[in-house]
């Protein structure tokens, strides 16, 4: 044969390495499914934990590895048929979902790609996959349905919280959004931003997170006037705006309505006149706490946002991203426990980017 025994050894080693790297790549990619499900509230929150330094979803990877090991205990023929049945059911449901979404005329459904000759390809795909499922036999089909039943159970236990969580975020956001934007369509707009975050351009694609600064406040800075002065100075370094204008706008905004989102977090944000396409974020951690109101007497996390009126959509998206970030599990513990502002900024970038 080719190169004799030496060639056989080389090709065998190459095949083994290819198999191992493919398996590792499969585990790495498959682990993103439970990670995404956990972040969407469809699985327990601890599954979405990531390493502080590397950002690796270690819990999700371990869970995927355990599932792979358990699957090795099954008969190979049975495993292949069951997996194929599950995939085909997934494709059937995906095509049904496309038809439902297109026919429902949802206001917020704006796909980047539309299937040509709709709905012919979807109907053909559904019929073909149903035929293949029937040809595989009832056993594989029954097990696939069992997986679907298990998925519905998971949704019943965890998934419903997602809808409640989305509406809660909208309620929180509407409470602090600038009064000039309080119109009848704001609820729908905020809900659309929260629900469709996965289809929006990530904040990491812009310069916002690159320019974002994070500071630890001294314990003697405990009143709002000092905070507005400090915020205005820091924002003026990022944006082409006068610090005096920013400071007075922040004070007026807080006098209008408290920007404390929770007892722990405040999101002061202002909209300045002009079409300068300016937007910036400055974040502060106060271990001593700053008094925003009677209900928020010790706020430890402050996200100050400033933008001009021509970046309204971006402004709302950033507010929604921050609101989602600060309602994560263990957020308060991680915020206070971070060793440095550099660690805080890295964590913030990962959280807001997603």
Protein backbone atom coordinates (compact mmCIF):
# COMPACT_ATOMS: atom_id res chain seq x y z
CA UNK A 1 0.00 0.00 0.00
CA UNK A 2 0.89 3.66 0.15
CA UNK A 3 4.30 4.06 1.91
CA UNK A 4 3.93 0.66 3.57
CA UNK A 5 3.65 0.38 7.34
CA UNK A 6 4.96 3.92 7.91
CA UNK A 7 2.14 5.33 5.78
CA UNK A 8 -0.40 3.20 7.65
CA UNK A 9 0.85 4.57 10.99
CA UNK A 10 0.78 8.17 9.75
CA UNK A 11 -2.73 7.88 8.29
CA UNK A 12 -4.02 6.08 11.40
CA UNK A 13 -2.57 8.78 13.65
CA UNK A 14 -4.05 11.51 11.45
CA UNK A 15 -7.46 9.80 11.53
CA UNK A 16 -7.30 9.48 15.33
CA UNK A 17 -6.35 13.15 15.74
CA UNK A 18 -9.13 14.20 13.36
CA UNK A 19 -11.63 12.10 15.31
CA UNK A 20 -10.55 13.59 18.65
CA UNK A 21 -10.61 17.20 17.40
CA UNK A 22 -14.02 16.65 15.80
CA UNK A 23 -15.35 15.21 19.06
CA UNK A 24 -13.96 18.15 21.05
CA UNK A 25 -15.42 20.63 18.56
CA UNK A 26 -18.76 18.84 18.86
CA UNK A 27 -18.72 19.09 22.65
CA UNK A 28 -17.71 22.76 22.51
CA UNK A 29 -20.49 23.66 20.08
CA UNK A 30 -23.11 21.42 21.71
CA UNK A 31 -22.37 22.98 25.11
CA UNK A 32 -23.66 26.30 23.80
CA UNK A 33 -27.20 24.91 23.61
CA UNK A 34 -27.65 24.43 27.39
CA UNK A 35 -25.77 27.71 27.93
CA UNK A 36 -28.24 29.61 25.74
CA UNK A 37 -31.23 27.80 27.24
CA UNK A 38 -30.06 28.68 30.76
CA UNK A 39 -29.58 32.33 29.83
CA UNK A 40 -33.09 32.40 28.38
CA UNK A 41 -34.49 30.96 31.62
CA UNK A 42 -35.38 27.58 30.11
CA UNK A 43 -32.86 25.70 32.27
CA UNK A 44 -31.55 26.39 35.80
CA UNK A 45 -29.42 29.52 35.94
CA UNK A 46 -26.28 27.84 37.32
CA UNK A 47 -25.77 26.12 33.93
CA UNK A 48 -24.95 29.52 32.40
CA UNK A 49 -22.00 30.13 34.73
CA UNK A 50 -18.74 30.98 32.98
CA UNK A 51 -15.15 31.20 34.17
CA UNK A 52 -14.17 34.64 35.45
CA UNK A 53 -10.95 34.89 33.46
CA UNK A 54 -11.59 32.80 30.36
CA UNK A 55 -15.35 33.25 29.98
CA UNK A 56 -15.64 29.48 29.37
CA UNK A 57 -19.08 27.97 30.15
CA UNK A 58 -17.58 25.21 32.27
CA UNK A 59 -20.86 23.95 33.76
CA UNK A 60 -22.44 23.61 30.33
CA UNK A 61 -19.35 21.82 28.96
CA UNK A 62 -19.31 19.38 31.89
CA UNK A 63 -23.04 18.72 31.47
CA UNK A 64 -22.55 18.06 27.75
CA UNK A 65 -19.67 15.70 28.50
CA UNK A 66 -21.79 13.75 30.99
CA UNK A 67 -24.59 13.42 28.42
CA UNK A 68 -22.08 12.16 25.83
CA UNK A 69 -20.77 9.53 28.28
CA UNK A 70 -24.32 8.41 29.09
CA UNK A 71 -25.17 8.16 25.40
CA UNK A 72 -22.27 5.72 24.92
CA UNK A 73 -24.15 3.21 27.05
CA UNK A 74 -26.90 2.97 24.43
CA UNK A 75 -27.01 0.66 21.43
CA UNK A 76 -25.39 2.45 18.47
CA UNK A 77 -28.17 1.64 16.00
CA UNK A 78 -30.81 2.76 18.50
CA UNK A 79 -28.84 5.96 19.28
CA UNK A 80 -28.47 6.91 15.60
CA UNK A 81 -32.16 6.34 14.84
CA UNK A 82 -33.30 8.28 17.90
CA UNK A 83 -30.96 11.20 17.18
CA UNK A 84 -32.11 11.26 13.56
CA UNK A 85 -35.75 11.26 14.65
CA UNK A 86 -35.14 14.16 17.05
CA UNK A 87 -33.37 16.18 14.34
CA UNK A 88 -36.17 15.55 11.86
CA UNK A 89 -38.79 16.59 14.40
CA UNK A 90 -36.75 19.74 15.00
CA UNK A 91 -36.75 20.54 11.28
CA UNK A 92 -40.49 19.87 11.05
CA UNK A 93 -41.19 22.23 13.96
CA UNK A 94 -38.84 24.86 12.49
CA UNK A 95 -40.75 24.84 9.20
CA UNK A 96 -44.08 25.00 11.03
CA UNK A 97 -42.74 27.93 13.07
CA UNK A 98 -41.79 29.79 9.87
CA UNK A 99 -45.32 29.37 8.52
CA UNK A 100 -46.90 30.50 11.80
CA UNK A 101 -44.63 33.55 12.11
CA UNK A 102 -45.17 34.61 8.50
CA UNK A 103 -48.95 34.19 8.65
CA UNK A 104 -49.35 35.86 12.04
CA UNK A 105 -48.02 39.19 10.65
CA UNK A 106 -46.18 39.95 13.88
CA UNK A 107 -45.07 43.57 14.08
CA UNK A 108 -41.66 42.74 15.57
CA UNK A 109 -40.94 39.82 13.21
CA UNK A 110 -38.52 41.26 10.67
CA UNK A 111 -36.29 38.43 9.37
CA UNK A 112 -33.07 39.30 7.57
CA UNK A 113 -33.74 36.49 5.06
CA UNK A 114 -37.06 35.41 3.55
CA UNK A 115 -37.48 31.99 1.95
CA UNK A 116 -38.32 32.18 -1.77
CA UNK A 117 -41.48 30.47 -3.08
CA UNK A 118 -43.00 30.52 0.43
CA UNK A 119 -44.77 28.34 1.65
CA UNK A 120 -43.98 25.61 -0.90
CA UNK A 121 -40.47 24.69 0.41
CA UNK A 122 -41.75 24.53 3.99
CA UNK A 123 -44.71 22.28 3.15
CA UNK A 124 -42.52 19.96 1.05
CA UNK A 125 -39.92 19.74 3.84
CA UNK A 126 -42.59 18.88 6.43
CA UNK A 127 -44.05 16.11 4.24
CA UNK A 128 -40.62 14.65 3.40
CA UNK A 129 -39.51 14.53 7.04
CA UNK A 130 -42.83 12.98 8.10
CA UNK A 131 -42.33 10.26 5.47
CA UNK A 132 -38.78 9.58 6.69
CA UNK A 133 -39.97 9.41 10.30
CA UNK A 134 -42.67 6.90 9.39
CA UNK A 135 -40.13 4.84 7.44
CA UNK A 136 -37.82 4.62 10.48
CA UNK A 137 -40.41 2.82 12.57
CA UNK A 138 -42.62 3.67 15.50
CA UNK A 139 -40.00 3.03 18.21
CA UNK A 140 -37.64 5.86 17.25
CA UNK A 141 -40.61 8.15 16.65
CA UNK A 142 -42.05 7.35 20.10
CA UNK A 143 -38.72 8.10 21.81
CA UNK A 144 -38.43 11.38 19.92
CA UNK A 145 -41.91 12.30 21.13
CA UNK A 146 -40.75 11.41 24.63
CA UNK A 147 -37.94 13.94 24.32
CA UNK A 148 -40.49 16.51 23.19
CA UNK A 149 -42.64 15.75 26.23
CA UNK A 150 -39.57 16.18 28.46
CA UNK A 151 -38.86 19.52 26.79
CA UNK A 152 -42.42 20.68 27.44
CA UNK A 153 -41.99 19.70 31.09
CA UNK A 154 -38.80 21.77 31.30
CA UNK A 155 -40.63 24.70 29.75
CA UNK A 156 -43.49 24.33 32.22
CA UNK A 157 -41.02 24.41 35.12
CA UNK A 158 -38.67 27.13 33.89
CA UNK A 159 -39.82 28.59 30.57
CA UNK A 160 -42.82 30.50 31.85
CA UNK A 161 -40.54 32.57 34.03
CA UNK A 162 -38.98 33.99 30.87
CA UNK A 163 -42.17 35.72 29.74
CA UNK A 164 -42.73 37.10 33.23
CA UNK A 165 -39.11 38.23 33.33
CA UNK A 166 -39.41 40.06 30.00
CA UNK A 167 -42.50 41.98 31.09
CA UNK A 168 -40.84 42.77 34.43
CA UNK A 169 -37.84 44.22 32.58
CA UNK A 170 -40.14 46.35 30.43
CA UNK A 171 -41.87 47.64 33.56
CA UNK A 172 -38.54 48.52 35.18
CA UNK A 173 -37.23 50.20 32.04
CA UNK A 174 -40.36 52.25 31.44
CA UNK A 175 -40.14 53.54 34.99
CA UNK A 176 -36.72 55.11 34.44
CA UNK A 177 -36.85 56.02 30.72
CA UNK A 178 -36.64 59.74 29.97
CA UNK A 179 -40.05 61.41 30.16
CA UNK A 180 -39.69 62.75 26.60
CA UNK A 181 -39.89 59.17 25.34
CA UNK A 182 -42.93 58.17 27.37
CA UNK A 183 -45.50 57.59 24.64
CA UNK A 184 -48.11 54.94 23.90
CA UNK A 185 -45.76 52.90 21.74
CA UNK A 186 -42.95 52.71 24.31
CA UNK A 187 -44.21 49.48 25.90
CA UNK A 188 -44.21 47.64 22.56
CA UNK A 189 -40.84 49.09 21.61
CA UNK A 190 -39.17 48.04 24.86
CA UNK A 191 -40.76 44.59 24.74
CA UNK A 192 -39.53 44.19 21.17
CA UNK A 193 -35.99 45.09 22.23
CA UNK A 194 -36.06 42.67 25.17
CA UNK A 195 -37.62 39.77 23.25
CA UNK A 196 -35.59 40.18 20.06
CA UNK A 197 -32.18 40.85 21.57
CA UNK A 198 -30.64 37.84 19.78
CA UNK A 199 -31.42 39.35 16.35
CA UNK A 200 -30.00 42.78 17.17
CA UNK A 201 -26.43 43.83 16.40
CA UNK A 202 -24.37 43.06 19.52
CA UNK A 203 -23.09 46.06 21.48
CA UNK A 204 -19.62 44.59 21.10
CA UNK A 205 -19.68 45.57 17.41
CA UNK A 206 -19.67 49.27 18.33
CA UNK A 207 -17.20 51.49 20.18
CA UNK A 208 -19.53 51.88 23.16
CA UNK A 209 -18.04 49.09 25.26
CA UNK A 210 -14.49 49.98 24.22
CA UNK A 211 -14.91 53.52 25.52
CA UNK A 212 -16.88 52.45 28.62
CA UNK A 213 -15.06 53.20 31.87
CA UNK A 214 -15.46 51.60 35.30
CA UNK A 215 -14.42 53.22 38.58
CA UNK A 216 -14.44 52.46 42.29
CA UNK A 217 -15.80 55.43 44.23
CA UNK A 218 -14.21 56.63 47.45
CA UNK A 219 -16.23 56.09 50.59
CA UNK A 220 -16.53 59.87 51.14
CA UNK A 221 -18.47 60.26 47.86
CA UNK A 222 -21.93 59.46 49.13
CA UNK A 223 -24.25 62.23 47.88
CA UNK A 224 -25.78 62.73 44.46
CA UNK A 225 -24.35 66.20 43.79
CA UNK A 226 -20.81 64.86 44.04
CA UNK A 227 -21.78 61.86 41.89
CA UNK A 228 -23.19 64.09 39.12
CA UNK A 229 -20.06 66.25 39.18
CA UNK A 230 -17.80 63.20 38.94
CA UNK A 231 -19.97 61.61 36.23
CA UNK A 232 -19.97 64.80 34.15
CA UNK A 233 -16.17 65.01 34.32
CA UNK A 234 -15.74 61.36 33.29
CA UNK A 235 -18.33 61.55 30.49
CA UNK A 236 -16.82 64.73 29.07
CA UNK A 237 -13.58 62.79 28.54
CA UNK A 238 -15.45 60.25 26.39
CA UNK A 239 -17.91 62.55 24.61
CA UNK A 240 -17.59 65.94 22.95
CA UNK A 241 -19.87 67.56 25.53
CA UNK A 242 -19.35 70.20 28.21
CA UNK A 243 -19.23 68.80 31.74
CA UNK A 244 -21.41 71.60 33.10
CA UNK A 245 -24.22 70.77 30.68
CA UNK A 246 -24.02 67.07 31.54
CA UNK A 247 -23.96 67.72 35.30
CA UNK A 248 -27.05 69.95 35.29
CA UNK A 249 -28.91 67.50 33.01
CA UNK A 250 -28.16 64.59 35.37
CA UNK A 251 -29.39 66.58 38.38
CA UNK A 252 -32.58 67.66 36.57
CA UNK A 253 -33.22 64.09 35.42
CA UNK A 254 -32.97 62.74 38.96
CA UNK A 255 -35.25 65.49 40.28
CA UNK A 256 -37.82 64.46 37.66
CA UNK A 257 -37.91 60.82 38.80
CA UNK A 258 -35.51 58.52 40.62
CA UNK A 259 -33.28 56.47 38.34
CA UNK A 260 -32.74 53.77 40.98
CA UNK A 261 -33.75 50.56 39.22
CA UNK A 262 -33.50 48.45 42.39
CA UNK A 263 -32.21 48.91 45.93
CA UNK A 264 -28.74 47.94 44.62
CA UNK A 265 -28.55 49.49 41.14
CA UNK A 266 -29.25 52.87 39.53
CA UNK A 267 -29.15 53.76 35.83
CA UNK A 268 -29.06 57.57 35.54
CA UNK A 269 -29.36 58.45 31.87
CA UNK A 270 -29.85 61.70 30.04
CA UNK A 271 -30.78 62.74 26.51
CA UNK A 272 -29.18 65.96 25.28
CA UNK A 273 -30.32 68.07 22.36
CA UNK A 274 -28.41 67.97 19.12
CA UNK A 275 -27.51 65.57 16.34
CA UNK A 276 -23.93 64.77 17.28
CA UNK A 277 -24.39 60.98 17.34
CA UNK A 278 -22.84 60.83 20.79
CA UNK A 279 -23.31 58.11 23.40
CA UNK A 280 -21.25 56.99 26.37
CA UNK A 281 -21.39 54.87 29.52
CA UNK A 282 -19.57 55.36 32.82
CA UNK A 283 -19.95 52.75 35.56
CA UNK A 284 -19.30 53.19 39.26
CA UNK A 285 -19.01 50.78 42.16
CA UNK A 286 -19.60 52.24 45.60
CA UNK A 287 -18.90 49.77 48.39
CA UNK A 288 -20.17 52.28 50.96
CA UNK A 289 -23.34 52.96 48.98
CA UNK A 290 -24.97 56.13 47.63
CA UNK A 291 -28.42 57.32 48.71
CA UNK A 292 -30.78 57.83 45.76
CA UNK A 293 -34.06 57.69 47.67
CA UNK A 294 -35.62 56.26 50.82
CA UNK A 295 -36.19 52.93 49.05
CA UNK A 296 -32.70 52.97 47.54
CA UNK A 297 -30.65 54.29 50.43
CA UNK A 298 -27.49 52.34 49.57
CA UNK A 299 -26.96 51.92 45.85
CA UNK A 300 -23.72 50.10 45.09
CA UNK A 301 -23.82 49.98 41.27
CA UNK A 302 -24.38 53.06 39.12
CA UNK A 303 -24.49 52.97 35.31
CA UNK A 304 -24.50 56.53 33.95
CA UNK A 305 -25.55 56.81 30.29
CA UNK A 306 -25.47 59.97 28.21
CA UNK A 307 -26.50 60.39 24.59
CA UNK A 308 -27.83 62.86 22.07
CA UNK A 309 -31.37 62.67 20.75
CA UNK A 310 -30.36 61.20 17.39
CA UNK A 311 -29.29 57.86 18.95
CA UNK A 312 -32.61 57.07 20.65
CA UNK A 313 -32.78 53.43 19.48
CA UNK A 314 -29.23 52.73 20.64
CA UNK A 315 -30.01 54.42 23.96
CA UNK A 316 -32.99 52.14 24.59
CA UNK A 317 -31.05 49.02 23.55
CA UNK A 318 -28.24 49.86 25.99
CA UNK A 319 -30.72 50.47 28.82
CA UNK A 320 -32.35 47.10 28.07
CA UNK A 321 -28.95 45.36 27.99
CA UNK A 322 -28.00 46.85 31.37
CA UNK A 323 -31.40 45.95 32.85
CA UNK A 324 -30.98 42.32 31.72
CA UNK A 325 -27.44 42.25 33.06
CA UNK A 326 -28.34 43.52 36.53
CA UNK A 327 -31.19 41.01 36.92
CA UNK A 328 -28.90 38.00 36.46
CA UNK A 329 -28.47 35.50 39.25
CA UNK A 330 -25.59 36.31 41.63
CA UNK A 331 -25.12 39.72 39.99
CA UNK A 332 -24.92 41.60 43.30
CA UNK A 333 -22.50 39.07 44.79
CA UNK A 334 -20.19 39.19 41.76
CA UNK A 335 -20.35 42.98 41.57
CA UNK A 336 -19.23 43.45 45.15
CA UNK A 337 -16.78 40.53 45.06
CA UNK A 338 -14.78 41.56 41.98
CA UNK A 339 -11.15 42.17 42.93
CA UNK A 340 -10.59 45.14 40.63
CA UNK A 341 -12.29 47.52 38.22
CA UNK A 342 -10.47 45.73 35.40
CA UNK A 343 -12.20 42.49 36.37
CA UNK A 344 -15.51 44.35 36.59
CA UNK A 345 -15.07 45.86 33.13
CA UNK A 346 -14.23 42.50 31.57
CA UNK A 347 -17.32 40.92 33.16
CA UNK A 348 -19.48 43.87 32.07
CA UNK A 349 -18.26 43.65 28.48
CA UNK A 350 -19.12 39.95 28.29
CA UNK A 351 -22.53 40.45 29.92
CA UNK A 352 -23.61 43.50 27.92
CA UNK A 353 -22.29 42.10 24.66
CA UNK A 354 -24.63 39.12 25.02
